[in-house]
Amino acid sequence: MSGTGPGRVGHLPPRYAFALNRYRHVRFSTCPKCKRTMNKRKFPLFIHVDGWGPLSLRKTCRYCPRCEFIIAHQDELEGELAYFFERHCPDLVGNDYLVLGTVRLKAWKEGAHGKGTTLGQLLDDVADFQKVLTLEVDGGGWFPSAAADKHRNTGSA
C-alpha cells in the first residue's frame, strides 16, 4: 500500500480532526476548540465494523470549517448502522465499530450507485483523520461549597 504511513489505512493524506460524541443530550452547536458556530455537513465516513469489515456511510455531522473538526453523534451513527445491518445482516447489529476516516465524495457516490470497487481501489479514496479527540462535558450546575470554591479559585468555567 503505497502512501500509507504507520497505522494508516487510507492512501490520501490525513485530513480533519474527529470526535465521536457519546453524550446523547449534548449536540455541540459551537466548536469546543474555537467557540465558533458549527455547521451541519454530510461526510462519507469510512467505518470498520467487526464481523463485516469496511463500510462507507454518508452521515450528517457537526463541522467547524475553521478547525476542520468533525463531530459525529454516537447515538445517531449507531442508529444508522443498526438500520443497515437489520436489512443486510441482522447478526451484526450491535457489533463494535471504529470510524477511521472519510471517503472522497465521488468514490462514495460511485459505490452508492452500484459501481463495484475493490477494497484496494476504495482505499485510494480514503483519508484517515489527522487527530481523533475525546469530548468531555462538564455538566455545570450546583457544586458542594468546597468544590464550588475550588472551581471558582481555579478560574475554570
N, C-alpha and C. Protein backbone atom coordinates (compact mmCIF):
# COMPACT_ATOMS: atom_id res chain seq x y z
N MET A 1 0.84 -1.18 0.00
CA MET A 1 0.00 0.00 0.00
C MET A 1 0.88 1.24 0.00
N SER A 2 1.13 1.74 -1.16
CA SER A 2 1.96 2.94 -1.23
C SER A 2 1.20 4.13 -0.67
N GLY A 3 1.92 5.02 -0.04
CA GLY A 3 1.30 6.21 0.52
C GLY A 3 0.66 6.00 1.88
N THR A 4 0.72 4.80 2.39
CA THR A 4 0.13 4.53 3.69
C THR A 4 1.22 4.54 4.74
N GLY A 5 1.12 5.47 5.69
CA GLY A 5 2.11 5.55 6.76
C GLY A 5 1.80 4.56 7.86
N PRO A 6 2.63 4.54 8.89
CA PRO A 6 2.40 3.62 10.00
C PRO A 6 1.04 3.90 10.65
N GLY A 7 0.25 2.85 10.80
CA GLY A 7 -1.04 2.99 11.46
C GLY A 7 -2.10 3.65 10.61
N ARG A 8 -1.83 3.86 9.32
CA ARG A 8 -2.80 4.49 8.43
C ARG A 8 -3.48 3.46 7.56
N VAL A 9 -4.70 3.77 7.16
CA VAL A 9 -5.48 2.88 6.31
C VAL A 9 -5.59 3.45 4.91
N GLY A 10 -6.02 4.69 4.81
CA GLY A 10 -6.27 5.32 3.51
C GLY A 10 -5.00 5.78 2.83
N HIS A 11 -5.11 5.96 1.52
CA HIS A 11 -3.96 6.39 0.73
C HIS A 11 -3.90 7.89 0.54
N LEU A 12 -5.00 8.61 0.81
CA LEU A 12 -4.99 10.07 0.73
C LEU A 12 -4.33 10.64 1.98
N PRO A 13 -3.80 11.87 1.89
CA PRO A 13 -3.22 12.48 3.10
C PRO A 13 -4.27 12.63 4.20
N PRO A 14 -3.87 12.44 5.46
CA PRO A 14 -4.83 12.59 6.57
C PRO A 14 -5.47 13.98 6.55
N ARG A 15 -6.74 14.01 6.95
CA ARG A 15 -7.49 15.26 6.96
C ARG A 15 -8.47 15.25 8.12
N TYR A 16 -8.80 16.36 8.64
CA TYR A 16 -9.81 16.58 9.67
C TYR A 16 -9.40 16.03 11.04
N ALA A 17 -9.86 16.73 12.05
CA ALA A 17 -9.87 16.22 13.42
C ALA A 17 -11.26 15.62 13.60
N PHE A 18 -11.38 14.59 14.42
CA PHE A 18 -12.65 13.88 14.56
C PHE A 18 -12.90 13.54 16.02
N ALA A 19 -14.17 13.60 16.40
CA ALA A 19 -14.58 13.14 17.73
C ALA A 19 -15.95 12.49 17.61
N LEU A 20 -16.13 11.44 18.37
CA LEU A 20 -17.43 10.76 18.46
C LEU A 20 -18.09 11.24 19.75
N ASN A 21 -19.22 11.93 19.61
CA ASN A 21 -19.94 12.47 20.77
C ASN A 21 -20.77 11.36 21.40
N ARG A 22 -20.36 10.88 22.54
CA ARG A 22 -21.08 9.80 23.22
C ARG A 22 -22.18 10.33 24.14
N TYR A 23 -22.31 11.65 24.24
CA TYR A 23 -23.33 12.25 25.11
C TYR A 23 -24.63 12.45 24.33
N ARG A 24 -25.63 11.70 24.67
CA ARG A 24 -26.89 11.69 23.93
C ARG A 24 -27.61 13.05 23.96
N HIS A 25 -27.49 13.80 25.04
CA HIS A 25 -28.25 15.04 25.19
C HIS A 25 -27.42 16.29 24.98
N VAL A 26 -26.21 16.15 24.42
CA VAL A 26 -25.35 17.30 24.12
C VAL A 26 -25.10 17.29 22.62
N ARG A 27 -25.33 18.43 21.95
CA ARG A 27 -25.27 18.45 20.50
C ARG A 27 -24.23 19.41 19.91
N PHE A 28 -23.42 20.08 20.67
CA PHE A 28 -22.30 20.89 20.19
C PHE A 28 -22.67 21.82 19.03
N SER A 29 -23.41 22.86 19.33
CA SER A 29 -23.72 23.87 18.32
C SER A 29 -22.54 24.82 18.12
N THR A 30 -21.64 24.88 19.11
CA THR A 30 -20.41 25.66 18.96
C THR A 30 -19.21 24.74 19.06
N CYS A 31 -18.16 25.11 18.37
CA CYS A 31 -16.95 24.31 18.33
C CYS A 31 -16.26 24.33 19.70
N PRO A 32 -15.93 23.17 20.25
CA PRO A 32 -15.25 23.15 21.55
C PRO A 32 -13.83 23.71 21.48
N LYS A 33 -13.26 23.81 20.27
CA LYS A 33 -11.89 24.30 20.12
C LYS A 33 -11.85 25.83 19.98
N CYS A 34 -12.65 26.39 19.03
CA CYS A 34 -12.56 27.83 18.75
C CYS A 34 -13.79 28.62 19.19
N LYS A 35 -14.84 27.93 19.66
CA LYS A 35 -16.08 28.53 20.17
C LYS A 35 -16.93 29.20 19.09
N ARG A 36 -16.65 28.94 17.82
CA ARG A 36 -17.49 29.46 16.74
C ARG A 36 -18.62 28.47 16.45
N THR A 37 -19.65 28.95 15.75
CA THR A 37 -20.80 28.12 15.42
C THR A 37 -20.37 26.98 14.50
N MET A 38 -20.84 25.78 14.82
CA MET A 38 -20.57 24.62 13.96
C MET A 38 -21.70 24.47 12.96
N ASN A 39 -21.37 24.02 11.76
CA ASN A 39 -22.34 23.77 10.71
C ASN A 39 -22.73 22.29 10.72
N LYS A 40 -23.85 21.99 10.08
CA LYS A 40 -24.19 20.60 9.81
C LYS A 40 -23.70 20.32 8.39
N ARG A 41 -23.01 19.18 8.22
CA ARG A 41 -22.50 18.82 6.90
C ARG A 41 -22.44 17.29 6.80
N LYS A 42 -22.73 16.79 5.62
CA LYS A 42 -22.68 15.34 5.40
C LYS A 42 -21.26 14.95 5.00
N PHE A 43 -20.77 13.88 5.63
CA PHE A 43 -19.46 13.32 5.32
C PHE A 43 -19.62 11.83 5.02
N PRO A 44 -18.96 11.33 3.97
CA PRO A 44 -18.91 9.89 3.77
C PRO A 44 -17.83 9.32 4.69
N LEU A 45 -18.27 8.70 5.78
CA LEU A 45 -17.34 8.17 6.78
C LEU A 45 -16.90 6.76 6.41
N PHE A 46 -15.64 6.46 6.65
CA PHE A 46 -15.09 5.12 6.43
C PHE A 46 -15.04 4.44 7.79
N ILE A 47 -15.81 3.36 7.92
CA ILE A 47 -16.02 2.70 9.21
C ILE A 47 -15.65 1.23 9.09
N HIS A 48 -14.95 0.71 10.08
CA HIS A 48 -14.71 -0.72 10.15
C HIS A 48 -15.66 -1.30 11.19
N VAL A 49 -16.43 -2.33 10.78
CA VAL A 49 -17.38 -2.98 11.69
C VAL A 49 -16.91 -4.41 11.90
N ASP A 50 -16.75 -4.80 13.16
CA ASP A 50 -16.32 -6.17 13.47
C ASP A 50 -17.30 -7.17 12.87
N GLY A 51 -16.76 -8.16 12.20
CA GLY A 51 -17.57 -9.19 11.59
C GLY A 51 -18.04 -8.86 10.18
N TRP A 52 -17.88 -7.61 9.77
CA TRP A 52 -18.30 -7.17 8.43
C TRP A 52 -17.12 -6.68 7.63
N GLY A 53 -16.30 -5.83 8.25
CA GLY A 53 -15.19 -5.20 7.55
C GLY A 53 -15.49 -3.75 7.26
N PRO A 54 -14.89 -3.19 6.20
CA PRO A 54 -15.07 -1.77 5.91
C PRO A 54 -16.46 -1.46 5.36
N LEU A 55 -16.91 -0.26 5.71
CA LEU A 55 -18.23 0.21 5.30
C LEU A 55 -18.12 1.72 5.13
N SER A 56 -18.73 2.24 4.09
CA SER A 56 -18.77 3.68 3.87
C SER A 56 -20.19 4.16 4.07
N LEU A 57 -20.38 5.13 4.96
CA LEU A 57 -21.72 5.62 5.32
C LEU A 57 -21.70 7.14 5.28
N ARG A 58 -22.59 7.73 4.50
CA ARG A 58 -22.68 9.18 4.45
C ARG A 58 -23.56 9.65 5.60
N LYS A 59 -23.00 10.47 6.48
CA LYS A 59 -23.63 10.82 7.74
C LYS A 59 -23.57 12.32 7.97
N THR A 60 -24.67 12.91 8.42
CA THR A 60 -24.68 14.32 8.79
C THR A 60 -23.98 14.47 10.15
N CYS A 61 -22.99 15.35 10.18
CA CYS A 61 -22.20 15.58 11.39
C CYS A 61 -22.14 17.07 11.66
N ARG A 62 -21.67 17.43 12.83
CA ARG A 62 -21.35 18.83 13.12
C ARG A 62 -19.94 19.08 12.59
N TYR A 63 -19.72 20.27 12.02
CA TYR A 63 -18.44 20.55 11.39
C TYR A 63 -18.03 21.99 11.61
N CYS A 64 -16.78 22.18 12.03
CA CYS A 64 -16.21 23.52 12.15
C CYS A 64 -15.20 23.68 11.02
N PRO A 65 -15.52 24.51 10.00
CA PRO A 65 -14.60 24.67 8.88
C PRO A 65 -13.29 25.35 9.28
N ARG A 66 -13.33 26.19 10.29
CA ARG A 66 -12.12 26.88 10.72
C ARG A 66 -11.10 25.88 11.30
N CYS A 67 -11.57 24.97 12.13
CA CYS A 67 -10.69 23.99 12.78
C CYS A 67 -10.60 22.68 11.99
N GLU A 68 -11.41 22.54 10.95
CA GLU A 68 -11.55 21.27 10.21
C GLU A 68 -11.81 20.13 11.20
N PHE A 69 -12.84 20.33 12.00
CA PHE A 69 -13.19 19.43 13.10
C PHE A 69 -14.58 18.87 12.86
N ILE A 70 -14.69 17.54 12.83
CA ILE A 70 -15.95 16.83 12.64
C ILE A 70 -16.36 16.18 13.95
N ILE A 71 -17.63 16.35 14.32
CA ILE A 71 -18.19 15.65 15.47
C ILE A 71 -19.37 14.83 14.98
N ALA A 72 -19.29 13.52 15.15
CA ALA A 72 -20.40 12.62 14.82
C ALA A 72 -21.07 12.21 16.13
N HIS A 73 -22.39 12.20 16.14
CA HIS A 73 -23.14 11.83 17.33
C HIS A 73 -23.29 10.31 17.37
N GLN A 74 -22.76 9.70 18.41
CA GLN A 74 -22.72 8.24 18.53
C GLN A 74 -24.09 7.61 18.42
N ASP A 75 -25.10 8.17 19.10
CA ASP A 75 -26.42 7.56 19.07
C ASP A 75 -27.02 7.57 17.67
N GLU A 76 -26.81 8.64 16.90
CA GLU A 76 -27.32 8.71 15.54
C GLU A 76 -26.57 7.74 14.63
N LEU A 77 -25.25 7.69 14.76
CA LEU A 77 -24.44 6.80 13.95
C LEU A 77 -24.81 5.34 14.21
N GLU A 78 -24.95 4.98 15.48
CA GLU A 78 -25.31 3.61 15.82
C GLU A 78 -26.71 3.26 15.33
N GLY A 79 -27.61 4.24 15.32
CA GLY A 79 -28.95 4.01 14.78
C GLY A 79 -28.91 3.71 13.29
N GLU A 80 -28.08 4.45 12.55
CA GLU A 80 -27.97 4.21 11.11
C GLU A 80 -27.27 2.88 10.82
N LEU A 81 -26.26 2.54 11.62
CA LEU A 81 -25.60 1.25 11.44
C LEU A 81 -26.58 0.11 11.74
N ALA A 82 -27.38 0.24 12.81
CA ALA A 82 -28.36 -0.78 13.16
C ALA A 82 -29.38 -0.95 12.04
N TYR A 83 -29.84 0.15 11.47
CA TYR A 83 -30.80 0.09 10.37
C TYR A 83 -30.19 -0.66 9.18
N PHE A 84 -28.95 -0.35 8.83
CA PHE A 84 -28.28 -1.02 7.72
C PHE A 84 -28.15 -2.52 7.98
N PHE A 85 -27.67 -2.87 9.17
CA PHE A 85 -27.43 -4.28 9.45
C PHE A 85 -28.71 -5.08 9.67
N GLU A 86 -29.78 -4.45 10.14
CA GLU A 86 -31.06 -5.14 10.25
C GLU A 86 -31.52 -5.63 8.88
N ARG A 87 -31.23 -4.87 7.84
CA ARG A 87 -31.64 -5.21 6.49
C ARG A 87 -30.68 -6.17 5.80
N HIS A 88 -29.39 -6.09 6.13
CA HIS A 88 -28.38 -6.85 5.38
C HIS A 88 -27.79 -8.04 6.14
N CYS A 89 -27.62 -7.92 7.44
CA CYS A 89 -27.01 -8.99 8.22
C CYS A 89 -27.38 -8.80 9.70
N PRO A 90 -28.59 -9.22 10.09
CA PRO A 90 -29.09 -8.95 11.44
C PRO A 90 -28.18 -9.45 12.57
N ASP A 91 -27.37 -10.47 12.31
CA ASP A 91 -26.48 -10.98 13.35
C ASP A 91 -25.43 -9.96 13.78
N LEU A 92 -25.18 -8.96 12.95
CA LEU A 92 -24.11 -7.99 13.25
C LEU A 92 -24.61 -6.73 13.95
N VAL A 93 -25.91 -6.61 14.17
CA VAL A 93 -26.44 -5.43 14.87
C VAL A 93 -25.81 -5.35 16.25
N GLY A 94 -25.23 -4.22 16.57
CA GLY A 94 -24.61 -4.01 17.88
C GLY A 94 -23.13 -4.37 17.94
N ASN A 95 -22.55 -4.85 16.84
CA ASN A 95 -21.12 -5.16 16.85
C ASN A 95 -20.28 -3.90 17.03
N ASP A 96 -19.07 -4.08 17.55
CA ASP A 96 -18.15 -2.96 17.71
C ASP A 96 -17.76 -2.40 16.35
N TYR A 97 -17.47 -1.10 16.32
CA TYR A 97 -17.07 -0.44 15.08
C TYR A 97 -16.04 0.63 15.41
N LEU A 98 -15.36 1.09 14.36
CA LEU A 98 -14.37 2.15 14.52
C LEU A 98 -14.44 3.05 13.30
N VAL A 99 -14.64 4.35 13.52
CA VAL A 99 -14.66 5.32 12.43
C VAL A 99 -13.20 5.69 12.15
N LEU A 100 -12.74 5.39 10.94
CA LEU A 100 -11.31 5.53 10.61
C LEU A 100 -10.98 6.78 9.81
N GLY A 101 -11.92 7.30 9.03
CA GLY A 101 -11.61 8.45 8.19
C GLY A 101 -12.79 8.82 7.32
N THR A 102 -12.50 9.53 6.24
CA THR A 102 -13.53 9.94 5.29
C THR A 102 -13.18 9.39 3.91
N VAL A 103 -14.22 9.24 3.09
CA VAL A 103 -14.08 8.77 1.71
C VAL A 103 -14.35 9.95 0.80
N ARG A 104 -13.58 10.05 -0.28
CA ARG A 104 -13.82 11.10 -1.27
C ARG A 104 -15.25 10.96 -1.79
N LEU A 105 -15.97 12.07 -1.89
CA LEU A 105 -17.39 12.05 -2.23
C LEU A 105 -17.65 11.35 -3.56
N LYS A 106 -16.85 11.60 -4.57
CA LYS A 106 -17.05 10.98 -5.88
C LYS A 106 -16.99 9.46 -5.77
N ALA A 107 -16.04 8.93 -5.03
CA ALA A 107 -15.91 7.48 -4.85
C ALA A 107 -17.10 6.94 -4.07
N TRP A 108 -17.58 7.68 -3.07
CA TRP A 108 -18.74 7.23 -2.30
C TRP A 108 -19.97 7.15 -3.20
N LYS A 109 -20.18 8.17 -4.04
CA LYS A 109 -21.33 8.19 -4.94
C LYS A 109 -21.28 7.03 -5.92
N GLU A 110 -20.11 6.72 -6.45
CA GLU A 110 -19.98 5.59 -7.38
C GLU A 110 -20.37 4.30 -6.67
N GLY A 111 -19.91 4.11 -5.46
CA GLY A 111 -20.28 2.91 -4.70
C GLY A 111 -21.76 2.86 -4.38
N ALA A 112 -22.34 4.03 -4.06
CA ALA A 112 -23.76 4.09 -3.73
C ALA A 112 -24.64 3.79 -4.94
N HIS A 113 -24.12 4.05 -6.14
CA HIS A 113 -24.89 3.78 -7.36
C HIS A 113 -24.58 2.42 -7.95
N GLY A 114 -23.95 1.55 -7.16
CA GLY A 114 -23.77 0.17 -7.57
C GLY A 114 -22.55 -0.13 -8.41
N LYS A 115 -21.67 0.86 -8.60
CA LYS A 115 -20.45 0.58 -9.33
C LYS A 115 -19.48 -0.13 -8.40
N GLY A 116 -19.26 -1.39 -8.68
CA GLY A 116 -18.40 -2.21 -7.82
C GLY A 116 -16.98 -1.69 -7.78
N THR A 117 -16.35 -1.83 -6.64
CA THR A 117 -14.97 -1.41 -6.47
C THR A 117 -14.31 -2.38 -5.50
N THR A 118 -13.04 -2.57 -5.66
CA THR A 118 -12.31 -3.43 -4.73
C THR A 118 -11.90 -2.62 -3.52
N LEU A 119 -11.51 -3.30 -2.47
CA LEU A 119 -11.07 -2.60 -1.26
C LEU A 119 -9.85 -1.75 -1.57
N GLY A 120 -8.93 -2.27 -2.36
CA GLY A 120 -7.73 -1.50 -2.74
C GLY A 120 -8.07 -0.22 -3.46
N GLN A 121 -9.07 -0.28 -4.37
CA GLN A 121 -9.50 0.92 -5.08
C GLN A 121 -10.15 1.91 -4.12
N LEU A 122 -10.95 1.39 -3.19
CA LEU A 122 -11.62 2.27 -2.23
C LEU A 122 -10.60 2.97 -1.35
N LEU A 123 -9.57 2.25 -0.91
CA LEU A 123 -8.56 2.85 -0.03
C LEU A 123 -7.80 3.98 -0.71
N ASP A 124 -7.77 3.98 -2.04
CA ASP A 124 -7.15 5.09 -2.77
C ASP A 124 -7.93 6.38 -2.55
N ASP A 125 -9.18 6.27 -2.13
CA ASP A 125 -10.05 7.43 -1.92
C ASP A 125 -10.39 7.68 -0.46
N VAL A 126 -9.63 7.07 0.45
CA VAL A 126 -9.87 7.23 1.89
C VAL A 126 -8.78 8.10 2.49
N ALA A 127 -9.20 9.07 3.32
CA ALA A 127 -8.27 9.91 4.09
C ALA A 127 -8.49 9.61 5.57
N ASP A 128 -7.45 9.17 6.25
CA ASP A 128 -7.54 8.96 7.70
C ASP A 128 -7.73 10.31 8.39
N PHE A 129 -8.12 10.28 9.65
CA PHE A 129 -8.23 11.51 10.42
C PHE A 129 -6.83 11.93 10.89
N GLN A 130 -6.58 13.24 10.89
CA GLN A 130 -5.32 13.76 11.43
C GLN A 130 -5.24 13.50 12.92
N LYS A 131 -6.35 13.78 13.60
CA LYS A 131 -6.43 13.61 15.06
C LYS A 131 -7.78 13.02 15.41
N VAL A 132 -7.80 12.17 16.41
CA VAL A 132 -9.06 11.69 16.97
C VAL A 132 -9.09 12.19 18.41
N LEU A 133 -10.09 13.00 18.70
CA LEU A 133 -10.19 13.65 20.01
C LEU A 133 -11.29 13.02 20.84
N THR A 134 -11.19 13.19 22.15
CA THR A 134 -12.21 12.73 23.08
C THR A 134 -12.92 13.94 23.65
N LEU A 135 -14.24 13.92 23.62
CA LEU A 135 -15.03 15.03 24.15
C LEU A 135 -15.39 14.75 25.61
N GLU A 136 -15.17 15.73 26.45
CA GLU A 136 -15.57 15.67 27.86
C GLU A 136 -16.51 16.83 28.13
N VAL A 137 -17.62 16.55 28.78
CA VAL A 137 -18.62 17.57 29.05
C VAL A 137 -18.69 17.81 30.54
N ASP A 138 -18.59 19.09 30.94
CA ASP A 138 -18.78 19.48 32.33
C ASP A 138 -20.26 19.80 32.49
N GLY A 139 -20.93 19.04 33.32
CA GLY A 139 -22.37 19.19 33.48
C GLY A 139 -22.79 20.52 34.07
N GLY A 140 -21.87 21.27 34.64
CA GLY A 140 -22.23 22.54 35.25
C GLY A 140 -23.15 22.33 36.44
N GLY A 141 -23.90 23.31 36.77
CA GLY A 141 -24.87 23.15 37.85
C GLY A 141 -24.29 23.46 39.22
N TRP A 142 -24.91 22.92 40.24
CA TRP A 142 -24.54 23.19 41.62
C TRP A 142 -23.42 22.27 42.06
N PHE A 143 -22.51 22.80 42.89
CA PHE A 143 -21.42 22.03 43.47
C PHE A 143 -21.50 22.18 44.99
N PRO A 144 -21.03 21.19 45.76
CA PRO A 144 -20.90 21.40 47.20
C PRO A 144 -19.99 22.61 47.43
N SER A 145 -20.17 23.31 48.56
CA SER A 145 -19.46 24.58 48.77
C SER A 145 -17.95 24.45 48.62
N ALA A 146 -17.31 23.38 49.10
CA ALA A 146 -15.86 23.22 48.96
C ALA A 146 -15.48 23.05 47.49
N ALA A 147 -16.25 22.28 46.76
CA ALA A 147 -15.96 22.07 45.34
C ALA A 147 -16.21 23.35 44.56
N ALA A 148 -17.24 24.11 44.93
CA ALA A 148 -17.54 25.37 44.24
C ALA A 148 -16.41 26.36 44.45
N ASP A 149 -15.88 26.44 45.70
CA ASP A 149 -14.77 27.34 45.97
C ASP A 149 -13.55 26.95 45.16
N LYS A 150 -13.25 25.66 45.09
CA LYS A 150 -12.11 25.17 44.33
C LYS A 150 -12.34 25.50 42.83
N HIS A 151 -13.54 25.27 42.34
CA HIS A 151 -13.88 25.53 40.94
C HIS A 151 -13.73 27.02 40.63
N ARG A 152 -14.17 27.87 41.57
CA ARG A 152 -14.10 29.31 41.40
C ARG A 152 -12.65 29.79 41.43
N ASN A 153 -11.83 29.23 42.33
CA ASN A 153 -10.45 29.69 42.51
C ASN A 153 -9.53 29.24 41.37
N THR A 154 -9.87 28.22 40.64
CA THR A 154 -9.01 27.78 39.55
C THR A 154 -9.26 28.57 38.27
N GLY A 155 -10.29 29.35 38.26
CA GLY A 155 -10.60 30.13 37.07
C GLY A 155 -11.28 29.32 35.98
N SER A 156 -11.70 28.11 36.30
CA SER A 156 -12.37 27.27 35.31
C SER A 156 -13.78 27.77 35.07
N ALA A 157 -14.22 27.58 33.86
CA ALA A 157 -15.59 27.99 33.54
C ALA A 157 -16.46 26.79 33.43
